[in-house]
């Protein structure tokens, strides 16, 4: 059985060598995280809405965007933050949300 490529991503940012280090986006939010959620046969619109709900995640100080993977195989989420702790908090929310939605519930995960 041949492997199927779901997506390819290339990003190369090198600290002091980064051409964008003084950009308004990267200067205020220098921490970058990529989350790749491979969820074929899922409601990706609901998943995207849930994962982009920074108020529900209690992470209002992040910048975030998501894109659907080719052939509707899942989502790519990019997150920018000013502190690593903010990213860790969001990743926990995202993991719990994906787990919750995978259990076929239509309600978003609300952190306690």
C-alpha atoms as a PDB file:
ATOM      1  CA  UNK A   1       0.000   0.000   0.000  1.00  0.00           C
ATOM      2  CA  UNK A   2       1.437   3.383  -1.021  1.00  0.00           C
ATOM      3  CA  UNK A   3       1.492   6.253   1.448  1.00  0.00           C
ATOM      4  CA  UNK A   4      -0.688   9.249   0.705  1.00  0.00           C
ATOM      5  CA  UNK A   5       0.774  12.726   1.240  1.00  0.00           C
ATOM      6  CA  UNK A   6      -1.802  14.846   3.105  1.00  0.00           C
ATOM      7  CA  UNK A   7       0.146  18.119   2.910  1.00  0.00           C
ATOM      8  CA  UNK A   8       3.574  19.717   2.700  1.00  0.00           C
ATOM      9  CA  UNK A   9       4.656  22.710   4.719  1.00  0.00           C
ATOM     10  CA  UNK A  10       7.845  24.711   4.535  1.00  0.00           C
ATOM     11  CA  UNK A  11       8.787  27.437   6.950  1.00  0.00           C
ATOM     12  CA  UNK A  12      12.306  28.475   7.795  1.00  0.00           C
ATOM     13  CA  UNK A  13      12.828  31.301  10.290  1.00  0.00           C
ATOM     14  CA  UNK A  14      16.236  31.668  11.898  1.00  0.00           C
ATOM     15  CA  UNK A  15      16.361  33.933  14.962  1.00  0.00           C
ATOM     16  CA  UNK A  16      18.805  36.744  14.234  1.00  0.00           C
ATOM     17  CA  UNK A  17      18.966  35.839  10.525  1.00  0.00           C
ATOM     18  CA  UNK A  18      15.166  36.102  10.167  1.00  0.00           C
ATOM     19  CA  UNK A  19      14.274  38.754   7.586  1.00  0.00           C
ATOM     20  CA  UNK A  20      10.946  39.295   9.376  1.00  0.00           C
ATOM     21  CA  UNK A  21      12.328  39.749  12.919  1.00  0.00           C
ATOM     22  CA  UNK A  22      11.376  43.449  12.936  1.00  0.00           C
ATOM     23  CA  UNK A  23       7.971  42.868  11.345  1.00  0.00           C
ATOM     24  CA  UNK A  24       5.048  44.146  13.439  1.00  0.00           C
ATOM     25  CA  UNK A  25       3.664  40.611  13.680  1.00  0.00           C
ATOM     26  CA  UNK A  26       6.826  38.792  14.736  1.00  0.00           C
ATOM     27  CA  UNK A  27       8.234  41.565  16.954  1.00  0.00           C
ATOM     28  CA  UNK A  28       5.209  41.558  19.259  1.00  0.00           C
ATOM     29  CA  UNK A  29       4.529  37.780  19.042  1.00  0.00           C
ATOM     30  CA  UNK A  30       7.880  35.998  18.537  1.00  0.00           C
ATOM     31  CA  UNK A  31       6.673  32.501  19.579  1.00  0.00           C
ATOM     32  CA  UNK A  32       5.295  30.429  16.683  1.00  0.00           C
ATOM     33  CA  UNK A  33       3.536  27.066  16.878  1.00  0.00           C
ATOM     34  CA  UNK A  34       2.032  24.883  14.177  1.00  0.00           C
ATOM     35  CA  UNK A  35      -0.659  22.352  14.981  1.00  0.00           C
ATOM     36  CA  UNK A  36      -1.645  19.802  12.365  1.00  0.00           C
ATOM     37  CA  UNK A  37      -4.939  18.037  12.947  1.00  0.00           C
ATOM     38  CA  UNK A  38      -5.487  15.120  10.586  1.00  0.00           C
ATOM     39  CA  UNK A  39      -9.208  14.364  10.871  1.00  0.00           C
ATOM     40  CA  UNK A  40     -10.642  13.025   7.607  1.00  0.00           C
ATOM     41  CA  UNK A  41     -14.414  12.587   7.574  1.00  0.00           C
ATOM     42  CA  UNK A  42     -14.875  15.263  10.252  1.00  0.00           C
ATOM     43  CA  UNK A  43     -16.846  18.478  10.363  1.00  0.00           C
ATOM     44  CA  UNK A  44     -13.846  20.711   9.647  1.00  0.00           C
ATOM     45  CA  UNK A  45     -15.937  23.891   9.730  1.00  0.00           C
ATOM     46  CA  UNK A  46     -17.062  23.139  13.299  1.00  0.00           C
ATOM     47  CA  UNK A  47     -13.531  22.108  14.254  1.00  0.00           C
ATOM     48  CA  UNK A  48     -12.076  25.313  12.793  1.00  0.00           C
ATOM     49  CA  UNK A  49     -14.676  27.483  14.550  1.00  0.00           C
ATOM     50  CA  UNK A  50     -13.981  25.739  17.848  1.00  0.00           C
ATOM     51  CA  UNK A  51     -10.203  26.012  17.539  1.00  0.00           C
ATOM     52  CA  UNK A  52     -10.342  29.657  16.474  1.00  0.00           C
ATOM     53  CA  UNK A  53     -12.541  30.621  19.441  1.00  0.00           C
ATOM     54  CA  UNK A  54      -9.817  32.275  21.513  1.00  0.00           C
ATOM     55  CA  UNK A  55     -12.364  33.528  24.045  1.00  0.00           C
ATOM     56  CA  UNK A  56     -13.462  29.963  24.831  1.00  0.00           C
ATOM     57  CA  UNK A  57      -9.801  28.943  24.980  1.00  0.00           C
ATOM     58  CA  UNK A  58      -9.166  31.824  27.383  1.00  0.00           C
ATOM     59  CA  UNK A  59      -6.263  32.851  25.130  1.00  0.00           C
ATOM     60  CA  UNK A  60      -7.329  36.262  23.837  1.00  0.00           C
ATOM     61  CA  UNK A  61      -3.740  37.507  23.480  1.00  0.00           C
ATOM     62  CA  UNK A  62      -2.812  35.026  20.707  1.00  0.00           C
ATOM     63  CA  UNK A  63      -2.891  35.472  16.946  1.00  0.00           C
ATOM     64  CA  UNK A  64      -4.231  32.410  15.183  1.00  0.00           C
ATOM     65  CA  UNK A  65      -5.334  31.179  11.791  1.00  0.00           C
ATOM     66  CA  UNK A  66      -6.337  27.838  10.346  1.00  0.00           C
ATOM     67  CA  UNK A  67      -6.401  26.323   6.879  1.00  0.00           C
ATOM     68  CA  UNK A  68      -8.074  23.180   5.621  1.00  0.00           C
ATOM     69  CA  UNK A  69      -5.613  20.516   4.470  1.00  0.00           C
ATOM     70  CA  UNK A  70      -5.899  19.287   0.869  1.00  0.00           C
ATOM     71  CA  UNK A  71      -8.738  16.857   0.192  1.00  0.00           C
ATOM     72  CA  UNK A  72     -10.396  17.941   3.465  1.00  0.00           C
ATOM     73  CA  UNK A  73      -8.068  15.699   5.491  1.00  0.00           C
ATOM     74  CA  UNK A  74      -7.849  18.070   8.466  1.00  0.00           C
ATOM     75  CA  UNK A  75      -6.569  21.476   9.563  1.00  0.00           C
ATOM     76  CA  UNK A  76      -3.291  23.349   9.830  1.00  0.00           C
ATOM     77  CA  UNK A  77      -3.334  25.874  12.671  1.00  0.00           C
ATOM     78  CA  UNK A  78      -0.640  28.522  13.130  1.00  0.00           C
ATOM     79  CA  UNK A  79      -0.415  30.319  16.444  1.00  0.00           C
ATOM     80  CA  UNK A  80       1.645  33.370  17.394  1.00  0.00           C
ATOM     81  CA  UNK A  81       2.212  34.391  21.014  1.00  0.00           C
ATOM     82  CA  UNK A  82       4.467  36.558  23.113  1.00  0.00           C
ATOM     83  CA  UNK A  83       5.104  33.817  25.712  1.00  0.00           C
ATOM     84  CA  UNK A  84       5.559  30.047  25.572  1.00  0.00           C
ATOM     85  CA  UNK A  85       3.040  29.547  28.388  1.00  0.00           C
ATOM     86  CA  UNK A  86       0.300  31.053  26.181  1.00  0.00           C
ATOM     87  CA  UNK A  87       1.084  28.530  23.430  1.00  0.00           C
ATOM     88  CA  UNK A  88       1.065  25.625  25.897  1.00  0.00           C
ATOM     89  CA  UNK A  89      -2.329  26.720  27.223  1.00  0.00           C
ATOM     90  CA  UNK A  90      -3.761  26.932  23.697  1.00  0.00           C
ATOM     91  CA  UNK A  91      -2.346  23.544  22.674  1.00  0.00           C
ATOM     92  CA  UNK A  92      -4.036  21.950  25.695  1.00  0.00           C
ATOM     93  CA  UNK A  93      -7.333  23.571  24.670  1.00  0.00           C
ATOM     94  CA  UNK A  94      -6.892  22.439  21.056  1.00  0.00           C
ATOM     95  CA  UNK A  95      -6.099  18.832  22.033  1.00  0.00           C
ATOM     96  CA  UNK A  96      -9.092  18.636  24.340  1.00  0.00           C
ATOM     97  CA  UNK A  97     -11.349  20.215  21.704  1.00  0.00           C
ATOM     98  CA  UNK A  98     -10.251  17.730  19.039  1.00  0.00           C
ATOM     99  CA  UNK A  99     -10.747  14.822  21.438  1.00  0.00           C
ATOM    100  CA  UNK A 100     -14.192  16.128  22.374  1.00  0.00           C
ATOM    101  CA  UNK A 101     -15.279  16.605  18.747  1.00  0.00           C
ATOM    102  CA  UNK A 102     -13.883  13.204  17.795  1.00  0.00           C
ATOM    103  CA  UNK A 103     -16.308  11.709  20.299  1.00  0.00           C
ATOM    104  CA  UNK A 104     -19.058  12.988  17.953  1.00  0.00           C
ATOM    105  CA  UNK A 105     -20.290  15.706  20.272  1.00  0.00           C
ATOM    106  CA  UNK A 106     -21.451  18.947  18.659  1.00  0.00           C
ATOM    107  CA  UNK A 107     -20.585  21.055  21.712  1.00  0.00           C
ATOM    108  CA  UNK A 108     -17.195  22.809  22.026  1.00  0.00           C
ATOM    109  CA  UNK A 109     -14.818  21.937  24.828  1.00  0.00           C
ATOM    110  CA  UNK A 110     -14.936  24.546  27.608  1.00  0.00           C
ATOM    111  CA  UNK A 111     -11.815  24.542  29.816  1.00  0.00           C
ATOM    112  CA  UNK A 112     -12.332  24.479  33.587  1.00  0.00           C
END
